[in-house]
Amino acid sequence: GVKTLGIFGPTDPRLSGPYPLTSPTNFYIQAPV
């Protein structure tokens, strides 16, 4: 339940991001391309 920011490159955050991505404490940024 800690606030998270995932840094994603080639992997899809919908499949391996902090779950659930709809949580108000879970965030991600995906690199361009």
PDB file of all heavy atoms in Angstrom:
ATOM      1  N   GLY A   1       0.778  -1.222   0.000  1.00  0.00           N
ATOM      2  CA  GLY A   1       0.000   0.000   0.000  1.00  0.00           C
ATOM      3  C   GLY A   1       0.811   1.273   0.000  1.00  0.00           C
ATOM      4  O   GLY A   1       0.275   2.360   0.247  1.00  0.00           O
ATOM      5  N   VAL A   2       2.112   1.178  -0.295  1.00  0.00           N
ATOM      6  CA  VAL A   2       2.985   2.349  -0.361  1.00  0.00           C
ATOM      7  C   VAL A   2       2.861   2.976  -1.753  1.00  0.00           C
ATOM      8  O   VAL A   2       2.670   2.269  -2.746  1.00  0.00           O
ATOM      9  CB  VAL A   2       4.441   1.943  -0.067  1.00  0.00           C
ATOM     10  CG1 VAL A   2       5.389   3.134  -0.221  1.00  0.00           C
ATOM     11  CG2 VAL A   2       4.551   1.358   1.336  1.00  0.00           C
ATOM     12  N   LYS A   3       2.979   4.279  -1.842  1.00  0.00           N
ATOM     13  CA  LYS A   3       2.902   4.948  -3.147  1.00  0.00           C
ATOM     14  C   LYS A   3       4.062   4.505  -4.028  1.00  0.00           C
ATOM     15  O   LYS A   3       5.216   4.520  -3.594  1.00  0.00           O
ATOM     16  CB  LYS A   3       2.929   6.469  -2.955  1.00  0.00           C
ATOM     17  CG  LYS A   3       1.664   7.040  -2.327  1.00  0.00           C
ATOM     18  CD  LYS A   3       1.810   8.513  -2.010  1.00  0.00           C
ATOM     19  CE  LYS A   3       2.741   8.739  -0.838  1.00  0.00           C
ATOM     20  NZ  LYS A   3       2.751  10.150  -0.385  1.00  0.00           N
ATOM     21  N   THR A   4       3.740   4.092  -5.237  1.00  0.00           N
ATOM     22  CA  THR A   4       4.752   3.549  -6.144  1.00  0.00           C
ATOM     23  C   THR A   4       4.779   4.320  -7.455  1.00  0.00           C
ATOM     24  O   THR A   4       3.741   4.780  -7.943  1.00  0.00           O
ATOM     25  CB  THR A   4       4.477   2.070  -6.464  1.00  0.00           C
ATOM     26  OG1 THR A   4       3.236   1.961  -7.168  1.00  0.00           O
ATOM     27  CG2 THR A   4       4.418   1.227  -5.208  1.00  0.00           C
ATOM     28  N   LEU A   5       5.985   4.414  -8.022  1.00  0.00           N
ATOM     29  CA  LEU A   5       6.177   4.933  -9.377  1.00  0.00           C
ATOM     30  C   LEU A   5       7.074   3.957 -10.114  1.00  0.00           C
ATOM     31  O   LEU A   5       8.260   3.830  -9.800  1.00  0.00           O
ATOM     32  CB  LEU A   5       6.806   6.325  -9.358  1.00  0.00           C
ATOM     33  CG  LEU A   5       7.194   6.900 -10.728  1.00  0.00           C
ATOM     34  CD1 LEU A   5       5.983   6.966 -11.656  1.00  0.00           C
ATOM     35  CD2 LEU A   5       7.825   8.277 -10.581  1.00  0.00           C
ATOM     36  N   GLY A   6       6.505   3.236 -11.070  1.00  0.00           N
ATOM     37  CA  GLY A   6       7.274   2.276 -11.846  1.00  0.00           C
ATOM     38  C   GLY A   6       7.829   2.920 -13.093  1.00  0.00           C
ATOM     39  O   GLY A   6       7.120   3.654 -13.800  1.00  0.00           O
ATOM     40  N   ILE A   7       9.112   2.663 -13.385  1.00  0.00           N
ATOM     41  CA  ILE A   7       9.773   3.159 -14.590  1.00  0.00           C
ATOM     42  C   ILE A   7       9.853   2.004 -15.579  1.00  0.00           C
ATOM     43  O   ILE A   7      10.561   1.019 -15.337  1.00  0.00           O
ATOM     44  CB  ILE A   7      11.176   3.705 -14.278  1.00  0.00           C
ATOM     45  CG1 ILE A   7      11.118   4.733 -13.146  1.00  0.00           C
ATOM     46  CG2 ILE A   7      11.805   4.301 -15.528  1.00  0.00           C
ATOM     47  CD1 ILE A   7      10.341   5.994 -13.477  1.00  0.00           C
ATOM     48  N   PHE A   8       9.135   2.124 -16.700  1.00  0.00           N
ATOM     49  CA  PHE A   8       9.014   1.012 -17.635  1.00  0.00           C
ATOM     50  C   PHE A   8       9.608   1.360 -18.990  1.00  0.00           C
ATOM     51  O   PHE A   8       9.445   2.481 -19.480  1.00  0.00           O
ATOM     52  CB  PHE A   8       7.545   0.610 -17.807  1.00  0.00           C
ATOM     53  CG  PHE A   8       7.010  -0.156 -16.642  1.00  0.00           C
ATOM     54  CD1 PHE A   8       6.609   0.509 -15.498  1.00  0.00           C
ATOM     55  CD2 PHE A   8       6.935  -1.536 -16.682  1.00  0.00           C
ATOM     56  CE1 PHE A   8       6.125  -0.194 -14.405  1.00  0.00           C
ATOM     57  CE2 PHE A   8       6.463  -2.249 -15.606  1.00  0.00           C
ATOM     58  CZ  PHE A   8       6.060  -1.578 -14.455  1.00  0.00           C
ATOM     59  N   GLY A   9      10.289   0.372 -19.564  1.00  0.00           N
ATOM     60  CA  GLY A   9      10.841   0.492 -20.896  1.00  0.00           C
ATOM     61  C   GLY A   9      10.150  -0.473 -21.834  1.00  0.00           C
ATOM     62  O   GLY A   9       9.048  -0.227 -22.295  1.00  0.00           O
ATOM     63  N   PRO A  10      10.795  -1.630 -22.135  1.00  0.00           N
ATOM     64  CA  PRO A  10      10.228  -2.551 -23.126  1.00  0.00           C
ATOM     65  C   PRO A  10       9.056  -3.375 -22.612  1.00  0.00           C
ATOM     66  O   PRO A  10       8.324  -3.956 -23.409  1.00  0.00           O
ATOM     67  CB  PRO A  10      11.419  -3.452 -23.469  1.00  0.00           C
ATOM     68  CG  PRO A  10      12.255  -3.443 -22.229  1.00  0.00           C
ATOM     69  CD  PRO A  10      12.122  -2.063 -21.659  1.00  0.00           C
ATOM     70  N   THR A  11       8.871  -3.486 -21.303  1.00  0.00           N
ATOM     71  CA  THR A  11       7.778  -4.296 -20.769  1.00  0.00           C
ATOM     72  C   THR A  11       6.503  -3.471 -20.655  1.00  0.00           C
ATOM     73  O   THR A  11       6.545  -2.254 -20.505  1.00  0.00           O
ATOM     74  CB  THR A  11       8.156  -4.880 -19.406  1.00  0.00           C
ATOM     75  OG1 THR A  11       8.618  -3.825 -18.548  1.00  0.00           O
ATOM     76  CG2 THR A  11       9.260  -5.917 -19.549  1.00  0.00           C
ATOM     77  N   ASP A  12       5.385  -4.168 -20.698  1.00  0.00           N
ATOM     78  CA  ASP A  12       4.077  -3.522 -20.680  1.00  0.00           C
ATOM     79  C   ASP A  12       3.608  -3.364 -19.238  1.00  0.00           C
ATOM     80  O   ASP A  12       3.373  -4.364 -18.546  1.00  0.00           O
ATOM     81  CB  ASP A  12       3.076  -4.370 -21.469  1.00  0.00           C
ATOM     82  CG  ASP A  12       1.739  -3.683 -21.677  1.00  0.00           C
ATOM     83  OD1 ASP A  12       1.444  -2.718 -20.952  1.00  0.00           O
ATOM     84  OD2 ASP A  12       0.986  -4.112 -22.572  1.00  0.00           O
ATOM     85  N   PRO A  13       3.416  -2.139 -18.742  1.00  0.00           N
ATOM     86  CA  PRO A  13       2.976  -1.956 -17.352  1.00  0.00           C
ATOM     87  C   PRO A  13       1.591  -2.525 -17.081  1.00  0.00           C
ATOM     88  O   PRO A  13       1.272  -2.831 -15.933  1.00  0.00           O
ATOM     89  CB  PRO A  13       3.001  -0.432 -17.176  1.00  0.00           C
ATOM     90  CG  PRO A  13       2.990   0.132 -18.535  1.00  0.00           C
ATOM     91  CD  PRO A  13       3.673  -0.861 -19.417  1.00  0.00           C
ATOM     92  N   ARG A  14       0.789  -2.718 -18.121  1.00  0.00           N
ATOM     93  CA  ARG A  14      -0.515  -3.347 -17.920  1.00  0.00           C
ATOM     94  C   ARG A  14      -0.365  -4.807 -17.521  1.00  0.00           C
ATOM     95  O   ARG A  14      -1.259  -5.382 -16.882  1.00  0.00           O
ATOM     96  CB  ARG A  14      -1.361  -3.227 -19.188  1.00  0.00           C
ATOM     97  CG  ARG A  14      -1.736  -1.804 -19.566  1.00  0.00           C
ATOM     98  CD  ARG A  14      -2.361  -1.757 -20.937  1.00  0.00           C
ATOM     99  NE  ARG A  14      -1.425  -2.215 -21.966  1.00  0.00           N
ATOM    100  CZ  ARG A  14      -1.718  -2.285 -23.260  1.00  0.00           C
ATOM    101  NH1 ARG A  14      -2.925  -1.943 -23.674  1.00  0.00           N
ATOM    102  NH2 ARG A  14      -0.814  -2.707 -24.137  1.00  0.00           N
ATOM    103  N   LEU A  15       0.783  -5.409 -17.880  1.00  0.00           N
ATOM    104  CA  LEU A  15       1.019  -6.818 -17.578  1.00  0.00           C
ATOM    105  C   LEU A  15       1.954  -7.019 -16.400  1.00  0.00           C
ATOM    106  O   LEU A  15       1.922  -8.072 -15.757  1.00  0.00           O
ATOM    107  CB  LEU A  15       1.593  -7.526 -18.814  1.00  0.00           C
ATOM    108  CG  LEU A  15       0.777  -7.417 -20.103  1.00  0.00           C
ATOM    109  CD1 LEU A  15       1.450  -8.196 -21.211  1.00  0.00           C
ATOM    110  CD2 LEU A  15      -0.647  -7.895 -19.890  1.00  0.00           C
ATOM    111  N   SER A  16       2.814  -6.051 -16.111  1.00  0.00           N
ATOM    112  CA  SER A  16       3.784  -6.242 -15.026  1.00  0.00           C
ATOM    113  C   SER A  16       3.924  -5.018 -14.134  1.00  0.00           C
ATOM    114  O   SER A  16       4.868  -4.924 -13.354  1.00  0.00           O
ATOM    115  CB  SER A  16       5.159  -6.605 -15.611  1.00  0.00           C
ATOM    116  OG  SER A  16       5.616  -5.600 -16.503  1.00  0.00           O
ATOM    117  N   GLY A  17       2.991  -4.076 -14.230  1.00  0.00           N
ATOM    118  CA  GLY A  17       3.060  -2.875 -13.411  1.00  0.00           C
ATOM    119  C   GLY A  17       2.553  -3.115 -12.004  1.00  0.00           C
ATOM    120  O   GLY A  17       2.061  -4.194 -11.664  1.00  0.00           O
ATOM    121  N   PRO A  18       2.658  -2.094 -11.147  1.00  0.00           N
ATOM    122  CA  PRO A  18       2.116  -2.220  -9.784  1.00  0.00           C
ATOM    123  C   PRO A  18       0.611  -2.426  -9.847  1.00  0.00           C
ATOM    124  O   PRO A  18      -0.095  -1.678 -10.522  1.00  0.00           O
ATOM    125  CB  PRO A  18       2.495  -0.884  -9.127  1.00  0.00           C
ATOM    126  CG  PRO A  18       2.683   0.067 -10.267  1.00  0.00           C
ATOM    127  CD  PRO A  18       3.205  -0.755 -11.409  1.00  0.00           C
ATOM    128  N   TYR A  19       0.131  -3.440  -9.146  1.00  0.00           N
ATOM    129  CA  TYR A  19      -1.275  -3.842  -9.285  1.00  0.00           C
ATOM    130  C   TYR A  19      -2.117  -3.351  -8.120  1.00  0.00           C
ATOM    131  O   TYR A  19      -1.703  -3.471  -6.974  1.00  0.00           O
ATOM    132  CB  TYR A  19      -1.363  -5.365  -9.387  1.00  0.00           C
ATOM    133  CG  TYR A  19      -2.733  -5.867  -9.766  1.00  0.00           C
ATOM    134  CD1 TYR A  19      -3.099  -6.006 -11.096  1.00  0.00           C
ATOM    135  CD2 TYR A  19      -3.659  -6.186  -8.781  1.00  0.00           C
ATOM    136  CE1 TYR A  19      -4.361  -6.467 -11.446  1.00  0.00           C
ATOM    137  CE2 TYR A  19      -4.924  -6.643  -9.127  1.00  0.00           C
ATOM    138  CZ  TYR A  19      -5.267  -6.777 -10.451  1.00  0.00           C
ATOM    139  OH  TYR A  19      -6.524  -7.230 -10.791  1.00  0.00           O
ATOM    140  N   PRO A  20      -3.332  -2.833  -8.407  1.00  0.00           N
ATOM    141  CA  PRO A  20      -3.858  -2.518  -9.738  1.00  0.00           C
ATOM    142  C   PRO A  20      -3.433  -1.117 -10.181  1.00  0.00           C
ATOM    143  O   PRO A  20      -3.240  -0.226  -9.356  1.00  0.00           O
ATOM    144  CB  PRO A  20      -5.372  -2.581  -9.518  1.00  0.00           C
ATOM    145  CG  PRO A  20      -5.554  -2.137  -8.103  1.00  0.00           C
ATOM    146  CD  PRO A  20      -4.350  -2.666  -7.359  1.00  0.00           C
ATOM    147  N   LEU A  21      -3.332  -0.910 -11.476  1.00  0.00           N
ATOM    148  CA  LEU A  21      -2.934   0.403 -11.982  1.00  0.00           C
ATOM    149  C   LEU A  21      -4.005   1.460 -11.724  1.00  0.00           C
ATOM    150  O   LEU A  21      -3.723   2.653 -11.820  1.00  0.00           O
ATOM    151  CB  LEU A  21      -2.641   0.314 -13.480  1.00  0.00           C
ATOM    152  CG  LEU A  21      -1.344  -0.396 -13.874  1.00  0.00           C
ATOM    153  CD1 LEU A  21      -1.225  -0.479 -15.387  1.00  0.00           C
ATOM    154  CD2 LEU A  21      -0.141   0.310 -13.290  1.00  0.00           C
ATOM    155  N   THR A  22      -5.210   1.026 -11.382  1.00  0.00           N
ATOM    156  CA  THR A  22      -6.271   1.974 -11.058  1.00  0.00           C
ATOM    157  C   THR A  22      -6.198   2.480  -9.621  1.00  0.00           C
ATOM    158  O   THR A  22      -6.948   3.374  -9.243  1.00  0.00           O
ATOM    159  CB  THR A  22      -7.644   1.319 -11.280  1.00  0.00           C
ATOM    160  OG1 THR A  22      -7.711   0.101 -10.514  1.00  0.00           O
ATOM    161  CG2 THR A  22      -7.865   0.999 -12.749  1.00  0.00           C
ATOM    162  N   SER A  23      -5.294   1.920  -8.822  1.00  0.00           N
ATOM    163  CA  SER A  23      -5.173   2.357  -7.429  1.00  0.00           C
ATOM    164  C   SER A  23      -4.656   3.793  -7.369  1.00  0.00           C
ATOM    165  O   SER A  23      -3.777   4.177  -8.143  1.00  0.00           O
ATOM    166  CB  SER A  23      -4.216   1.437  -6.672  1.00  0.00           C
ATOM    167  OG  SER A  23      -3.866   1.999  -5.411  1.00  0.00           O
ATOM    168  N   PRO A  24      -5.140   4.612  -6.431  1.00  0.00           N
ATOM    169  CA  PRO A  24      -4.654   5.990  -6.306  1.00  0.00           C
ATOM    170  C   PRO A  24      -3.225   6.090  -5.807  1.00  0.00           C
ATOM    171  O   PRO A  24      -2.663   7.188  -5.777  1.00  0.00           O
ATOM    172  CB  PRO A  24      -5.638   6.618  -5.308  1.00  0.00           C
ATOM    173  CG  PRO A  24      -6.177   5.466  -4.527  1.00  0.00           C
ATOM    174  CD  PRO A  24      -6.234   4.320  -5.483  1.00  0.00           C
ATOM    175  N   THR A  25      -2.600   4.956  -5.432  1.00  0.00           N
ATOM    176  CA  THR A  25      -1.214   4.980  -4.969  1.00  0.00           C
ATOM    177  C   THR A  25      -0.247   4.347  -5.962  1.00  0.00           C
ATOM    178  O   THR A  25       0.962   4.324  -5.698  1.00  0.00           O
ATOM    179  CB  THR A  25      -1.080   4.253  -3.617  1.00  0.00           C
ATOM    180  OG1 THR A  25      -1.533   2.900  -3.759  1.00  0.00           O
ATOM    181  CG2 THR A  25      -1.902   4.944  -2.542  1.00  0.00           C
ATOM    182  N   ASN A  26      -0.749   3.831  -7.086  1.00  0.00           N
ATOM    183  CA  ASN A  26       0.115   3.161  -8.057  1.00  0.00           C
ATOM    184  C   ASN A  26       0.195   3.963  -9.354  1.00  0.00           C
ATOM    185  O   ASN A  26      -0.834   4.279  -9.959  1.00  0.00           O
ATOM    186  CB  ASN A  26      -0.414   1.755  -8.374  1.00  0.00           C
ATOM    187  CG  ASN A  26      -0.294   0.805  -7.199  1.00  0.00           C
ATOM    188  OD1 ASN A  26       0.516   1.024  -6.300  1.00  0.00           O
ATOM    189  ND2 ASN A  26      -1.100  -0.230  -7.184  1.00  0.00           N
ATOM    190  N   PHE A  27       1.433   4.265  -9.781  1.00  0.00           N
ATOM    191  CA  PHE A  27       1.652   5.066 -10.980  1.00  0.00           C
ATOM    192  C   PHE A  27       2.795   4.454 -11.797  1.00  0.00           C
ATOM    193  O   PHE A  27       3.603   3.692 -11.267  1.00  0.00           O
ATOM    194  CB  PHE A  27       2.006   6.509 -10.617  1.00  0.00           C
ATOM    195  CG  PHE A  27       0.986   7.181  -9.740  1.00  0.00           C
ATOM    196  CD1 PHE A  27       1.138   7.186  -8.361  1.00  0.00           C
ATOM    197  CD2 PHE A  27      -0.118   7.785 -10.292  1.00  0.00           C
ATOM    198  CE1 PHE A  27       0.195   7.799  -7.548  1.00  0.00           C
ATOM    199  CE2 PHE A  27      -1.064   8.408  -9.494  1.00  0.00           C
ATOM    200  CZ  PHE A  27      -0.912   8.414  -8.115  1.00  0.00           C
ATOM    201  N   TYR A  28       2.849   4.823 -13.052  1.00  0.00           N
ATOM    202  CA  TYR A  28       3.972   4.391 -13.877  1.00  0.00           C
ATOM    203  C   TYR A  28       4.247   5.420 -14.950  1.00  0.00           C
ATOM    204  O   TYR A  28       3.389   6.227 -15.320  1.00  0.00           O
ATOM    205  CB  TYR A  28       3.706   3.027 -14.517  1.00  0.00           C
ATOM    206  CG  TYR A  28       2.674   3.033 -15.620  1.00  0.00           C
ATOM    207  CD1 TYR A  28       3.027   3.350 -16.941  1.00  0.00           C
ATOM    208  CD2 TYR A  28       1.345   2.715 -15.359  1.00  0.00           C
ATOM    209  CE1 TYR A  28       2.093   3.351 -17.952  1.00  0.00           C
ATOM    210  CE2 TYR A  28       0.404   2.711 -16.369  1.00  0.00           C
ATOM    211  CZ  TYR A  28       0.784   3.037 -17.668  1.00  0.00           C
ATOM    212  OH  TYR A  28      -0.155   3.044 -18.667  1.00  0.00           O
ATOM    213  N   ILE A  29       5.471   5.392 -15.446  1.00  0.00           N
ATOM    214  CA  ILE A  29       5.885   6.164 -16.614  1.00  0.00           C
ATOM    215  C   ILE A  29       6.572   5.199 -17.566  1.00  0.00           C
ATOM    216  O   ILE A  29       7.453   4.447 -17.153  1.00  0.00           O
ATOM    217  CB  ILE A  29       6.845   7.310 -16.239  1.00  0.00           C
ATOM    218  CG1 ILE A  29       6.145   8.330 -15.337  1.00  0.00           C
ATOM    219  CG2 ILE A  29       7.390   7.992 -17.487  1.00  0.00           C
ATOM    220  CD1 ILE A  29       7.061   9.433 -14.843  1.00  0.00           C
ATOM    221  N   GLN A  30       6.158   5.214 -18.817  1.00  0.00           N
ATOM    222  CA  GLN A  30       6.789   4.340 -19.812  1.00  0.00           C
ATOM    223  C   GLN A  30       7.626   5.179 -20.762  1.00  0.00           C
ATOM    224  O   GLN A  30       7.191   6.229 -21.240  1.00  0.00           O
ATOM    225  CB  GLN A  30       5.759   3.531 -20.584  1.00  0.00           C
ATOM    226  CG  GLN A  30       6.394   2.470 -21.478  1.00  0.00           C
ATOM    227  CD  GLN A  30       5.439   1.368 -21.844  1.00  0.00           C
ATOM    228  OE1 GLN A  30       4.244   1.600 -21.971  1.00  0.00           O
ATOM    229  NE2 GLN A  30       5.959   0.154 -22.022  1.00  0.00           N
ATOM    230  N   ALA A  31       8.830   4.719 -21.022  1.00  0.00           N
ATOM    231  CA  ALA A  31       9.765   5.440 -21.888  1.00  0.00           C
ATOM    232  C   ALA A  31       9.258   5.485 -23.323  1.00  0.00           C
ATOM    233  O   ALA A  31       8.565   4.568 -23.772  1.00  0.00           O
ATOM    234  CB  ALA A  31      11.135   4.782 -21.838  1.00  0.00           C
ATOM    235  N   PRO A  32       9.611   6.524 -24.053  1.00  0.00           N
ATOM    236  CA  PRO A  32       9.230   6.604 -25.463  1.00  0.00           C
ATOM    237  C   PRO A  32       9.731   5.391 -26.240  1.00  0.00           C
ATOM    238  O   PRO A  32      10.887   4.980 -26.087  1.00  0.00           O
ATOM    239  CB  PRO A  32       9.920   7.888 -25.944  1.00  0.00           C
ATOM    240  CG  PRO A  32      10.091   8.712 -24.704  1.00  0.00           C
ATOM    241  CD  PRO A  32      10.340   7.725 -23.604  1.00  0.00           C
ATOM    242  N   VAL A  33       8.843   4.814 -27.041  1.00  0.00           N
ATOM    243  CA  VAL A  33       9.092   3.616 -27.854  1.00  0.00           C
ATOM    244  C   VAL A  33       9.744   2.497 -27.046  1.00  0.00           C
ATOM    245  O   VAL A  33      10.448   1.643 -27.584  1.00  0.00           O
ATOM    246  CB  VAL A  33       9.920   3.931 -29.115  1.00  0.00           C
ATOM    247  CG1 VAL A  33       9.185   4.901 -30.004  1.00  0.00           C
ATOM    248  CG2 VAL A  33      11.319   4.471 -28.786  1.00  0.00           C
TER     249      VAL A  33
END
